[in-house]
Amino acid sequence: MRVTLLYASAPRMVHQAEVDLPDGASARDALRAAGWLMQFPETALLGDGLSLAVWGRRCEPDQVLREGDRLELLRALRVDPKVARRERFAGQGARGAGLFSKRRPNSKAGY
């Protein structure tokens, strides 16, 4: 069976590999077959800031893969997206960003 592996080791740096595995192979077997356990030493420490997902849904390293699966190595988020957006909005101010940043001439606020 053929499986695609994806890993973004750093911002704007994505590694992709396709591997052929026997039926019943696990996610850990796919990492080993692609050589990523040696190429990226941090992948050996799954659970310490890294996790696995198949098509965006988290999984365990011993999950059995199927034909055509896309296995993704996920890095931990550095900042909660909600907090980042809130801080970005506070820095720009209510008038500088979003839906109400530009007003038509002679219109009410918010239109």
PDB file of N, CA and C in Angstrom:
ATOM      1  N   MET A   1       0.843  -1.178   0.000  1.00  0.00           N
ATOM      2  CA  MET A   1       0.000   0.000   0.000  1.00  0.00           C
ATOM      3  C   MET A   1       0.885   1.237   0.000  1.00  0.00           C
ATOM      4  N   ARG A   2       0.387   2.305  -0.567  1.00  0.00           N
ATOM      5  CA  ARG A   2       1.150   3.548  -0.696  1.00  0.00           C
ATOM      6  C   ARG A   2       0.601   4.579   0.289  1.00  0.00           C
ATOM      7  N   VAL A   3       1.512   5.205   1.056  1.00  0.00           N
ATOM      8  CA  VAL A   3       1.155   6.185   2.081  1.00  0.00           C
ATOM      9  C   VAL A   3       2.005   7.433   1.870  1.00  0.00           C
ATOM     10  N   THR A   4       1.405   8.610   2.065  1.00  0.00           N
ATOM     11  CA  THR A   4       2.115   9.881   1.959  1.00  0.00           C
ATOM     12  C   THR A   4       2.411  10.403   3.356  1.00  0.00           C
ATOM     13  N   LEU A   5       3.641  10.852   3.582  1.00  0.00           N
ATOM     14  CA  LEU A   5       4.035  11.436   4.861  1.00  0.00           C
ATOM     15  C   LEU A   5       4.331  12.913   4.674  1.00  0.00           C
ATOM     16  N   LEU A   6       3.916  13.735   5.633  1.00  0.00           N
ATOM     17  CA  LEU A   6       4.168  15.174   5.608  1.00  0.00           C
ATOM     18  C   LEU A   6       4.685  15.613   6.966  1.00  0.00           C
ATOM     19  N   TYR A   7       5.662  16.519   6.936  1.00  0.00           N
ATOM     20  CA  TYR A   7       6.212  17.065   8.178  1.00  0.00           C
ATOM     21  C   TYR A   7       6.726  18.470   7.905  1.00  0.00           C
ATOM     22  N   ALA A   8       6.245  19.436   8.675  1.00  0.00           N
ATOM     23  CA  ALA A   8       6.741  20.807   8.587  1.00  0.00           C
ATOM     24  C   ALA A   8       7.720  20.988   9.740  1.00  0.00           C
ATOM     25  N   SER A   9       8.993  20.817   9.468  1.00  0.00           N
ATOM     26  CA  SER A   9      10.007  20.863  10.522  1.00  0.00           C
ATOM     27  C   SER A   9      10.222  22.274  11.045  1.00  0.00           C
ATOM     28  N   ALA A  10       9.910  23.272  10.237  1.00  0.00           N
ATOM     29  CA  ALA A  10      10.031  24.679  10.625  1.00  0.00           C
ATOM     30  C   ALA A  10       9.013  25.462   9.800  1.00  0.00           C
ATOM     31  N   PRO A  11       8.730  26.696  10.191  1.00  0.00           N
ATOM     32  CA  PRO A  11       7.800  27.489   9.380  1.00  0.00           C
ATOM     33  C   PRO A  11       8.286  27.588   7.936  1.00  0.00           C
ATOM     34  N   ARG A  12       7.389  27.379   7.001  1.00  0.00           N
ATOM     35  CA  ARG A  12       7.639  27.445   5.556  1.00  0.00           C
ATOM     36  C   ARG A  12       8.626  26.390   5.052  1.00  0.00           C
ATOM     37  N   MET A  13       8.800  25.311   5.796  1.00  0.00           N
ATOM     38  CA  MET A  13       9.674  24.219   5.371  1.00  0.00           C
ATOM     39  C   MET A  13       8.909  22.899   5.534  1.00  0.00           C
ATOM     40  N   VAL A  14       8.430  22.360   4.417  1.00  0.00           N
ATOM     41  CA  VAL A  14       7.617  21.149   4.454  1.00  0.00           C
ATOM     42  C   VAL A  14       8.366  20.007   3.762  1.00  0.00           C
ATOM     43  N   HIS A  15       8.389  18.863   4.416  1.00  0.00           N
ATOM     44  CA  HIS A  15       9.008  17.662   3.858  1.00  0.00           C
ATOM     45  C   HIS A  15       7.888  16.683   3.523  1.00  0.00           C
ATOM     46  N   GLN A  16       7.978  16.078   2.356  1.00  0.00           N
ATOM     47  CA  GLN A  16       6.963  15.133   1.910  1.00  0.00           C
ATOM     48  C   GLN A  16       7.646  13.900   1.359  1.00  0.00           C
ATOM     49  N   ALA A  17       7.083  12.738   1.659  1.00  0.00           N
ATOM     50  CA  ALA A  17       7.623  11.479   1.143  1.00  0.00           C
ATOM     51  C   ALA A  17       6.469  10.513   0.905  1.00  0.00           C
ATOM     52  N   GLU A  18       6.624   9.671  -0.074  1.00  0.00           N
ATOM     53  CA  GLU A  18       5.663   8.594  -0.324  1.00  0.00           C
ATOM     54  C   GLU A  18       6.400   7.283  -0.144  1.00  0.00           C
ATOM     55  N   VAL A  19       5.783   6.382   0.601  1.00  0.00           N
ATOM     56  CA  VAL A  19       6.414   5.092   0.879  1.00  0.00           C
ATOM     57  C   VAL A  19       5.447   3.971   0.541  1.00  0.00           C
ATOM     58  N   ASP A  20       6.007   2.848   0.126  1.00  0.00           N
ATOM     59  CA  ASP A  20       5.234   1.623  -0.099  1.00  0.00           C
ATOM     60  C   ASP A  20       5.423   0.738   1.123  1.00  0.00           C
ATOM     61  N   LEU A  21       4.313   0.338   1.720  1.00  0.00           N
ATOM     62  CA  LEU A  21       4.345  -0.460   2.940  1.00  0.00           C
ATOM     63  C   LEU A  21       3.527  -1.734   2.741  1.00  0.00           C
ATOM     64  N   PRO A  22       3.841  -2.775   3.506  1.00  0.00           N
ATOM     65  CA  PRO A  22       2.995  -3.976   3.452  1.00  0.00           C
ATOM     66  C   PRO A  22       1.669  -3.705   4.173  1.00  0.00           C
ATOM     67  N   ASP A  23       0.651  -4.475   3.856  1.00  0.00           N
ATOM     68  CA  ASP A  23      -0.634  -4.315   4.534  1.00  0.00           C
ATOM     69  C   ASP A  23      -0.468  -4.559   6.027  1.00  0.00           C
ATOM     70  N   GLY A  24      -1.177  -3.771   6.827  1.00  0.00           N
ATOM     71  CA  GLY A  24      -1.102  -3.906   8.282  1.00  0.00           C
ATOM     72  C   GLY A  24       0.020  -3.111   8.918  1.00  0.00           C
ATOM     73  N   ALA A  25       0.693  -2.264   8.155  1.00  0.00           N
ATOM     74  CA  ALA A  25       1.794  -1.463   8.701  1.00  0.00           C
ATOM     75  C   ALA A  25       1.239  -0.332   9.560  1.00  0.00           C
ATOM     76  N   SER A  26       2.005   0.048  10.573  1.00  0.00           N
ATOM     77  CA  SER A  26       1.575   1.101  11.491  1.00  0.00           C
ATOM     78  C   SER A  26       2.199   2.439  11.087  1.00  0.00           C
ATOM     79  N   ALA A  27       1.780   3.477  11.773  1.00  0.00           N
ATOM     80  CA  ALA A  27       2.321   4.815  11.512  1.00  0.00           C
ATOM     81  C   ALA A  27       3.822   4.846  11.820  1.00  0.00           C
ATOM     82  N   ARG A  28       4.229   4.183  12.885  1.00  0.00           N
ATOM     83  CA  ARG A  28       5.656   4.135  13.226  1.00  0.00           C
ATOM     84  C   ARG A  28       6.455   3.421  12.133  1.00  0.00           C
ATOM     85  N   ASP A  29       5.881   2.375  11.550  1.00  0.00           N
ATOM     86  CA  ASP A  29       6.543   1.667  10.447  1.00  0.00           C
ATOM     87  C   ASP A  29       6.737   2.591   9.247  1.00  0.00           C
ATOM     88  N   ALA A  30       5.757   3.458   8.990  1.00  0.00           N
ATOM     89  CA  ALA A  30       5.866   4.400   7.870  1.00  0.00           C
ATOM     90  C   ALA A  30       6.994   5.396   8.113  1.00  0.00           C
ATOM     91  N   LEU A  31       7.127   5.891   9.343  1.00  0.00           N
ATOM     92  CA  LEU A  31       8.226   6.815   9.669  1.00  0.00           C
ATOM     93  C   LEU A  31       9.573   6.129   9.484  1.00  0.00           C
ATOM     94  N   ARG A  32       9.644   4.884   9.907  1.00  0.00           N
ATOM     95  CA  ARG A  32      10.889   4.132   9.785  1.00  0.00           C
ATOM     96  C   ARG A  32      11.218   3.875   8.317  1.00  0.00           C
ATOM     97  N   ALA A  33      10.200   3.528   7.514  1.00  0.00           N
ATOM     98  CA  ALA A  33      10.427   3.231   6.098  1.00  0.00           C
ATOM     99  C   ALA A  33      10.868   4.469   5.325  1.00  0.00           C
ATOM    100  N   ALA A  34      10.380   5.637   5.717  1.00  0.00           N
ATOM    101  CA  ALA A  34      10.774   6.877   5.043  1.00  0.00           C
ATOM    102  C   ALA A  34      12.151   7.349   5.499  1.00  0.00           C
ATOM    103  N   GLY A  35      12.666   6.779   6.583  1.00  0.00           N
ATOM    104  CA  GLY A  35      13.972   7.188   7.101  1.00  0.00           C
ATOM    105  C   GLY A  35      13.910   8.452   7.938  1.00  0.00           C
ATOM    106  N   TRP A  36      12.717   8.850   8.342  1.00  0.00           N
ATOM    107  CA  TRP A  36      12.572  10.109   9.080  1.00  0.00           C
ATOM    108  C   TRP A  36      13.001   9.996  10.534  1.00  0.00           C
ATOM    109  N   LEU A  37      13.010   8.789  11.099  1.00  0.00           N
ATOM    110  CA  LEU A  37      13.475   8.641  12.478  1.00  0.00           C
ATOM    111  C   LEU A  37      14.963   8.964  12.576  1.00  0.00           C
ATOM    112  N   MET A  38      15.716   8.733  11.490  1.00  0.00           N
ATOM    113  CA  MET A  38      17.136   9.069  11.471  1.00  0.00           C
ATOM    114  C   MET A  38      17.362  10.492  10.964  1.00  0.00           C
ATOM    115  N   GLN A  39      16.610  10.896   9.946  1.00  0.00           N
ATOM    116  CA  GLN A  39      16.789  12.217   9.349  1.00  0.00           C
ATOM    117  C   GLN A  39      16.350  13.332  10.296  1.00  0.00           C
ATOM    118  N   PHE A  40      15.264  13.116  11.004  1.00  0.00           N
ATOM    119  CA  PHE A  40      14.741  14.096  11.961  1.00  0.00           C
ATOM    120  C   PHE A  40      14.717  13.442  13.343  1.00  0.00           C
ATOM    121  N   PRO A  41      15.762  13.606  14.139  1.00  0.00           N
ATOM    122  CA  PRO A  41      15.840  12.930  15.438  1.00  0.00           C
ATOM    123  C   PRO A  41      14.687  13.282  16.378  1.00  0.00           C
ATOM    124  N   GLU A  42      14.101  14.474  16.213  1.00  0.00           N
ATOM    125  CA  GLU A  42      13.006  14.868  17.095  1.00  0.00           C
ATOM    126  C   GLU A  42      11.760  14.006  16.887  1.00  0.00           C
ATOM    127  N   THR A  43      11.641  13.343  15.736  1.00  0.00           N
ATOM    128  CA  THR A  43      10.465  12.503  15.492  1.00  0.00           C
ATOM    129  C   THR A  43      10.475  11.250  16.337  1.00  0.00           C
ATOM    130  N   ALA A  44      11.634  10.851  16.829  1.00  0.00           N
ATOM    131  CA  ALA A  44      11.699   9.677  17.695  1.00  0.00           C
ATOM    132  C   ALA A  44      11.045   9.957  19.037  1.00  0.00           C
ATOM    133  N   LEU A  45      10.907  11.231  19.392  1.00  0.00           N
ATOM    134  CA  LEU A  45      10.326  11.620  20.674  1.00  0.00           C
ATOM    135  C   LEU A  45       8.861  12.018  20.518  1.00  0.00           C
ATOM    136  N   LEU A  46       8.080  11.198  19.847  1.00  0.00           N
ATOM    137  CA  LEU A  46       6.663  11.516  19.666  1.00  0.00           C
ATOM    138  C   LEU A  46       6.015  11.686  21.039  1.00  0.00           C
ATOM    139  N   GLY A  47       5.172  12.693  21.147  1.00  0.00           N
ATOM    140  CA  GLY A  47       4.538  12.988  22.425  1.00  0.00           C
ATOM    141  C   GLY A  47       5.223  14.139  23.126  1.00  0.00           C
ATOM    142  N   ASP A  48       6.472  14.424  22.796  1.00  0.00           N
ATOM    143  CA  ASP A  48       7.211  15.529  23.396  1.00  0.00           C
ATOM    144  C   ASP A  48       7.175  16.718  22.424  1.00  0.00           C
ATOM    145  N   GLY A  49       5.972  17.275  22.226  1.00  0.00           N
ATOM    146  CA  GLY A  49       5.829  18.395  21.315  1.00  0.00           C
ATOM    147  C   GLY A  49       5.438  17.980  19.909  1.00  0.00           C
ATOM    148  N   LEU A  50       5.518  16.694  19.590  1.00  0.00           N
ATOM    149  CA  LEU A  50       5.118  16.185  18.275  1.00  0.00           C
ATOM    150  C   LEU A  50       4.000  15.169  18.442  1.00  0.00           C
ATOM    151  N   SER A  51       3.110  15.151  17.471  1.00  0.00           N
ATOM    152  CA  SER A  51       2.062  14.134  17.458  1.00  0.00           C
ATOM    153  C   SER A  51       1.796  13.724  16.018  1.00  0.00           C
ATOM    154  N   LEU A  52       1.047  12.668  15.847  1.00  0.00           N
ATOM    155  CA  LEU A  52       0.729  12.135  14.526  1.00  0.00           C
ATOM    156  C   LEU A  52      -0.740  12.332  14.215  1.00  0.00           C
ATOM    157  N   ALA A  53      -1.040  12.478  12.934  1.00  0.00           N
ATOM    158  CA  ALA A  53      -2.427  12.572  12.485  1.00  0.00           C
ATOM    159  C   ALA A  53      -2.540  11.907  11.124  1.00  0.00           C
ATOM    160  N   VAL A  54      -3.680  11.286  10.880  1.00  0.00           N
ATOM    161  CA  VAL A  54      -4.002  10.729   9.576  1.00  0.00           C
ATOM    162  C   VAL A  54      -5.137  11.571   9.025  1.00  0.00           C
ATOM    163  N   TRP A  55      -4.874  12.265   7.929  1.00  0.00           N
ATOM    164  CA  TRP A  55      -5.830  13.182   7.308  1.00  0.00           C
ATOM    165  C   TRP A  55      -6.354  14.197   8.321  1.00  0.00           C
ATOM    166  N   GLY A  56      -5.473  14.711   9.204  1.00  0.00           N
ATOM    167  CA  GLY A  56      -5.847  15.759  10.134  1.00  0.00           C
ATOM    168  C   GLY A  56      -6.458  15.271  11.432  1.00  0.00           C
ATOM    169  N   ARG A  57      -6.665  13.979  11.592  1.00  0.00           N
ATOM    170  CA  ARG A  57      -7.221  13.434  12.834  1.00  0.00           C
ATOM    171  C   ARG A  57      -6.107  12.737  13.599  1.00  0.00           C
ATOM    172  N   ARG A  58      -5.937  13.150  14.834  1.00  0.00           N
ATOM    173  CA  ARG A  58      -4.836  12.598  15.642  1.00  0.00           C
ATOM    174  C   ARG A  58      -4.927  11.090  15.762  1.00  0.00           C
ATOM    175  N   CYS A  59      -3.752  10.479  15.814  1.00  0.00           N
ATOM    176  CA  CYS A  59      -3.688   9.023  15.947  1.00  0.00           C
ATOM    177  C   CYS A  59      -2.475   8.652  16.790  1.00  0.00           C
ATOM    178  N   GLU A  60      -2.402   7.398  17.154  1.00  0.00           N
ATOM    179  CA  GLU A  60      -1.279   6.851  17.923  1.00  0.00           C
ATOM    180  C   GLU A  60      -0.235   6.281  16.959  1.00  0.00           C
ATOM    181  N   PRO A  61       1.016   6.158  17.408  1.00  0.00           N
ATOM    182  CA  PRO A  61       2.058   5.605  16.520  1.00  0.00           C
ATOM    183  C   PRO A  61       1.790   4.177  16.065  1.00  0.00           C
ATOM    184  N   ASP A  62       1.017   3.395  16.828  1.00  0.00           N
ATOM    185  CA  ASP A  62       0.764   2.024  16.413  1.00  0.00           C
ATOM    186  C   ASP A  62      -0.561   1.848  15.674  1.00  0.00           C
ATOM    187  N   GLN A  63      -1.155   2.942  15.196  1.00  0.00           N
ATOM    188  CA  GLN A  63      -2.381   2.826  14.401  1.00  0.00           C
ATOM    189  C   GLN A  63      -2.058   2.216  13.045  1.00  0.00           C
ATOM    190  N   VAL A  64      -2.891   1.296  12.623  1.00  0.00           N
ATOM    191  CA  VAL A  64      -2.707   0.632  11.333  1.00  0.00           C
ATOM    192  C   VAL A  64      -3.167   1.580  10.224  1.00  0.00           C
ATOM    193  N   LEU A  65      -2.343   1.715   9.201  1.00  0.00           N
ATOM    194  CA  LEU A  65      -2.638   2.610   8.084  1.00  0.00           C
ATOM    195  C   LEU A  65      -3.333   1.858   6.959  1.00  0.00           C
ATOM    196  N   ARG A  66      -4.006   2.634   6.097  1.00  0.00           N
ATOM    197  CA  ARG A  66      -4.693   2.056   4.936  1.00  0.00           C
ATOM    198  C   ARG A  66      -4.135   2.673   3.656  1.00  0.00           C
ATOM    199  N   GLU A  67      -4.463   2.070   2.552  1.00  0.00           N
ATOM    200  CA  GLU A  67      -4.023   2.545   1.238  1.00  0.00           C
ATOM    201  C   GLU A  67      -4.455   3.995   1.030  1.00  0.00           C
ATOM    202  N   GLY A  68      -3.505   4.844   0.615  1.00  0.00           N
ATOM    203  CA  GLY A  68      -3.808   6.234   0.299  1.00  0.00           C
ATOM    204  C   GLY A  68      -3.861   7.167   1.486  1.00  0.00           C
ATOM    205  N   ASP A  69      -3.562   6.686   2.690  1.00  0.00           N
ATOM    206  CA  ASP A  69      -3.578   7.556   3.866  1.00  0.00           C
ATOM    207  C   ASP A  69      -2.511   8.633   3.764  1.00  0.00           C
ATOM    208  N   ARG A  70      -2.774   9.757   4.399  1.00  0.00           N
ATOM    209  CA  ARG A  70      -1.804  10.841   4.492  1.00  0.00           C
ATOM    210  C   ARG A  70      -1.443  10.994   5.964  1.00  0.00           C
ATOM    211  N   LEU A  71      -0.235  10.602   6.309  1.00  0.00           N
ATOM    212  CA  LEU A  71       0.253  10.657   7.680  1.00  0.00           C
ATOM    213  C   LEU A  71       0.984  11.969   7.890  1.00  0.00           C
ATOM    214  N   GLU A  72       0.588  12.724   8.900  1.00  0.00           N
ATOM    215  CA  GLU A  72       1.163  14.045   9.158  1.00  0.00           C
ATOM    216  C   GLU A  72       1.824  14.065  10.530  1.00  0.00           C
ATOM    217  N   LEU A  73       3.006  14.616  10.596  1.00  0.00           N
ATOM    218  CA  LEU A  73       3.670  14.882  11.873  1.00  0.00           C
ATOM    219  C   LEU A  73       3.338  16.312  12.256  1.00  0.00           C
ATOM    220  N   LEU A  74       2.747  16.502  13.422  1.00  0.00           N
ATOM    221  CA  LEU A  74       2.280  17.815  13.848  1.00  0.00           C
ATOM    222  C   LEU A  74       3.159  18.370  14.956  1.00  0.00           C
ATOM    223  N   ARG A  75       3.601  19.609  14.780  1.00  0.00           N
ATOM    224  CA  ARG A  75       4.328  20.302  15.840  1.00  0.00           C
ATOM    225  C   ARG A  75       3.320  20.944  16.788  1.00  0.00           C
ATOM    226  N   ALA A  76       3.712  21.165  18.024  1.00  0.00           N
ATOM    227  CA  ALA A  76       2.838  21.821  18.995  1.00  0.00           C
ATOM    228  C   ALA A  76       2.688  23.297  18.627  1.00  0.00           C
ATOM    229  N   LEU A  77       1.531  23.860  18.918  1.00  0.00           N
ATOM    230  CA  LEU A  77       1.316  25.281  18.684  1.00  0.00           C
ATOM    231  C   LEU A  77       2.096  26.096  19.702  1.00  0.00           C
ATOM    232  N   ARG A  78       2.705  27.175  19.247  1.00  0.00           N
ATOM    233  CA  ARG A  78       3.442  28.040  20.168  1.00  0.00           C
ATOM    234  C   ARG A  78       2.505  29.020  20.858  1.00  0.00           C
ATOM    235  N   VAL A  79       1.443  29.414  20.162  1.00  0.00           N
ATOM    236  CA  VAL A  79       0.475  30.365  20.705  1.00  0.00           C
ATOM    237  C   VAL A  79      -0.918  29.879  20.326  1.00  0.00           C
ATOM    238  N   ASP A  80      -1.860  29.992  21.245  1.00  0.00           N
ATOM    239  CA  ASP A  80      -3.240  29.655  20.947  1.00  0.00           C
ATOM    240  C   ASP A  80      -3.761  30.617  19.880  1.00  0.00           C
ATOM    241  N   PRO A  81      -4.352  30.131  18.787  1.00  0.00           N
ATOM    242  CA  PRO A  81      -4.810  31.020  17.706  1.00  0.00           C
ATOM    243  C   PRO A  81      -5.809  32.079  18.169  1.00  0.00           C
ATOM    244  N   LYS A  82      -6.663  31.742  19.129  1.00  0.00           N
ATOM    245  CA  LYS A  82      -7.627  32.729  19.625  1.00  0.00           C
ATOM    246  C   LYS A  82      -6.918  33.877  20.338  1.00  0.00           C
ATOM    247  N   VAL A  83      -5.915  33.539  21.141  1.00  0.00           N
ATOM    248  CA  VAL A  83      -5.163  34.567  21.862  1.00  0.00           C
ATOM    249  C   VAL A  83      -4.389  35.432  20.880  1.00  0.00           C
ATOM    250  N   ALA A  84      -3.778  34.819  19.869  1.00  0.00           N
ATOM    251  CA  ALA A  84      -3.004  35.572  18.874  1.00  0.00           C
ATOM    252  C   ALA A  84      -3.901  36.556  18.134  1.00  0.00           C
ATOM    253  N   ARG A  85      -5.088  36.126  17.742  1.00  0.00           N
ATOM    254  CA  ARG A  85      -6.009  37.018  17.035  1.00  0.00           C
ATOM    255  C   ARG A  85      -6.442  38.168  17.933  1.00  0.00           C
ATOM    256  N   ARG A  86      -6.746  37.853  19.190  1.00  0.00           N
ATOM    257  CA  ARG A  86      -7.162  38.886  20.142  1.00  0.00           C
ATOM    258  C   ARG A  86      -6.073  39.935  20.321  1.00  0.00           C
ATOM    259  N   GLU A  87      -4.829  39.491  20.448  1.00  0.00           N
ATOM    260  CA  GLU A  87      -3.712  40.433  20.619  1.00  0.00           C
ATOM    261  C   GLU A  87      -3.475  41.246  19.350  1.00  0.00           C
ATOM    262  N   ARG A  88      -3.607  40.617  18.181  1.00  0.00           N
ATOM    263  CA  ARG A  88      -3.442  41.326  16.927  1.00  0.00           C
ATOM    264  C   ARG A  88      -4.514  42.402  16.763  1.00  0.00           C
ATOM    265  N   PHE A  89      -5.739  42.083  17.116  1.00  0.00           N
ATOM    266  CA  PHE A  89      -6.846  43.033  17.009  1.00  0.00           C
ATOM    267  C   PHE A  89      -6.652  44.186  17.982  1.00  0.00           C
ATOM    268  N   ALA A  90      -6.185  43.890  19.200  1.00  0.00           N
ATOM    269  CA  ALA A  90      -5.955  44.946  20.194  1.00  0.00           C
ATOM    270  C   ALA A  90      -4.859  45.895  19.720  1.00  0.00           C
ATOM    271  N   GLY A  91      -3.841  45.373  19.049  1.00  0.00           N
ATOM    272  CA  GLY A  91      -2.760  46.219  18.551  1.00  0.00           C
ATOM    273  C   GLY A  91      -3.184  47.099  17.393  1.00  0.00           C
ATOM    274  N   GLN A  92      -4.080  46.603  16.538  1.00  0.00           N
ATOM    275  CA  GLN A  92      -4.515  47.370  15.383  1.00  0.00           C
ATOM    276  C   GLN A  92      -5.630  48.341  15.735  1.00  0.00           C
ATOM    277  N   GLY A  93      -6.404  48.006  16.732  1.00  0.00           N
ATOM    278  CA  GLY A  93      -7.532  48.851  17.102  1.00  0.00           C
ATOM    279  C   GLY A  93      -8.769  48.485  16.313  1.00  0.00           C
ATOM    280  N   ALA A  94      -9.918  48.879  16.823  1.00  0.00           N
ATOM    281  CA  ALA A  94     -11.189  48.516  16.201  1.00  0.00           C
ATOM    282  C   ALA A  94     -11.368  49.173  14.843  1.00  0.00           C
ATOM    283  N   ARG A  95     -10.825  50.354  14.628  1.00  0.00           N
ATOM    284  CA  ARG A  95     -11.011  51.063  13.354  1.00  0.00           C
ATOM    285  C   ARG A  95     -10.020  50.619  12.287  1.00  0.00           C
ATOM    286  N   GLY A  96      -8.934  49.965  12.675  1.00  0.00           N
ATOM    287  CA  GLY A  96      -7.891  49.648  11.699  1.00  0.00           C
ATOM    288  C   GLY A  96      -8.016  48.288  11.058  1.00  0.00           C
ATOM    289  N   ALA A  97      -8.927  47.448  11.546  1.00  0.00           N
ATOM    290  CA  ALA A  97      -8.984  46.093  11.007  1.00  0.00           C
ATOM    291  C   ALA A  97     -10.420  45.609  10.951  1.00  0.00           C
ATOM    292  N   GLY A  98     -10.630  44.654  10.118  1.00  0.00           N
ATOM    293  CA  GLY A  98     -11.905  43.967  10.105  1.00  0.00           C
ATOM    294  C   GLY A  98     -12.947  44.582   9.202  1.00  0.00           C
ATOM    295  N   LEU A  99     -14.173  44.166   9.450  1.00  0.00           N
ATOM    296  CA  LEU A  99     -15.299  44.527   8.603  1.00  0.00           C
ATOM    297  C   LEU A  99     -15.603  46.016   8.619  1.00  0.00           C
ATOM    298  N   PHE A 100     -15.397  46.686   9.754  1.00  0.00           N
ATOM    299  CA  PHE A 100     -15.802  48.088   9.899  1.00  0.00           C
ATOM    300  C   PHE A 100     -14.636  49.058   9.767  1.00  0.00           C
ATOM    301  N   SER A 101     -13.553  48.644   9.166  1.00  0.00           N
ATOM    302  CA  SER A 101     -12.392  49.524   9.073  1.00  0.00           C
ATOM    303  C   SER A 101     -12.593  50.641   8.047  1.00  0.00           C
ATOM    304  N   LYS A 102     -13.385  50.402   7.017  1.00  0.00           N
ATOM    305  CA  LYS A 102     -13.605  51.410   5.976  1.00  0.00           C
ATOM    306  C   LYS A 102     -15.082  51.780   5.956  1.00  0.00           C
ATOM    307  N   ARG A 103     -15.369  53.058   6.055  1.00  0.00           N
ATOM    308  CA  ARG A 103     -16.751  53.517   6.025  1.00  0.00           C
ATOM    309  C   ARG A 103     -17.018  54.261   4.737  1.00  0.00           C
ATOM    310  N   ARG A 104     -18.240  54.122   4.265  1.00  0.00           N
ATOM    311  CA  ARG A 104     -18.647  54.911   3.115  1.00  0.00           C
ATOM    312  C   ARG A 104     -18.909  56.340   3.579  1.00  0.00           C
ATOM    313  N   PRO A 105     -18.703  57.320   2.709  1.00  0.00           N
ATOM    314  CA  PRO A 105     -18.957  58.710   3.101  1.00  0.00           C
ATOM    315  C   PRO A 105     -20.401  58.915   3.535  1.00  0.00           C
ATOM    316  N   ASN A 106     -20.604  59.683   4.616  1.00  0.00           N
ATOM    317  CA  ASN A 106     -21.911  60.035   5.149  1.00  0.00           C
ATOM    318  C   ASN A 106     -22.741  58.833   5.595  1.00  0.00           C
ATOM    319  N   SER A 107     -22.084  57.760   6.023  1.00  0.00           N
ATOM    320  CA  SER A 107     -22.827  56.585   6.481  1.00  0.00           C
ATOM    321  C   SER A 107     -22.759  56.475   8.001  1.00  0.00           C
ATOM    322  N   LYS A 108     -23.656  55.680   8.559  1.00  0.00           N
ATOM    323  CA  LYS A 108     -23.648  55.463  10.004  1.00  0.00           C
ATOM    324  C   LYS A 108     -22.482  54.545  10.344  1.00  0.00           C
ATOM    325  N   ALA A 109     -22.070  54.542  11.584  1.00  0.00           N
ATOM    326  CA  ALA A 109     -20.988  53.677  12.041  1.00  0.00           C
ATOM    327  C   ALA A 109     -21.402  52.221  11.855  1.00  0.00           C
ATOM    328  N   GLY A 110     -20.542  51.429  11.300  1.00  0.00           N
ATOM    329  CA  GLY A 110     -20.825  50.011  11.117  1.00  0.00           C
ATOM    330  C   GLY A 110     -21.436  49.679   9.775  1.00  0.00           C
ATOM    331  N   TYR A 111     -21.679  50.684   8.921  1.00  0.00           N
ATOM    332  CA  TYR A 111     -22.276  50.427   7.605  1.00  0.00           C
ATOM    333  C   TYR A 111     -21.381  50.911   6.497  1.00  0.00           C
TER     334      TYR A 111
END
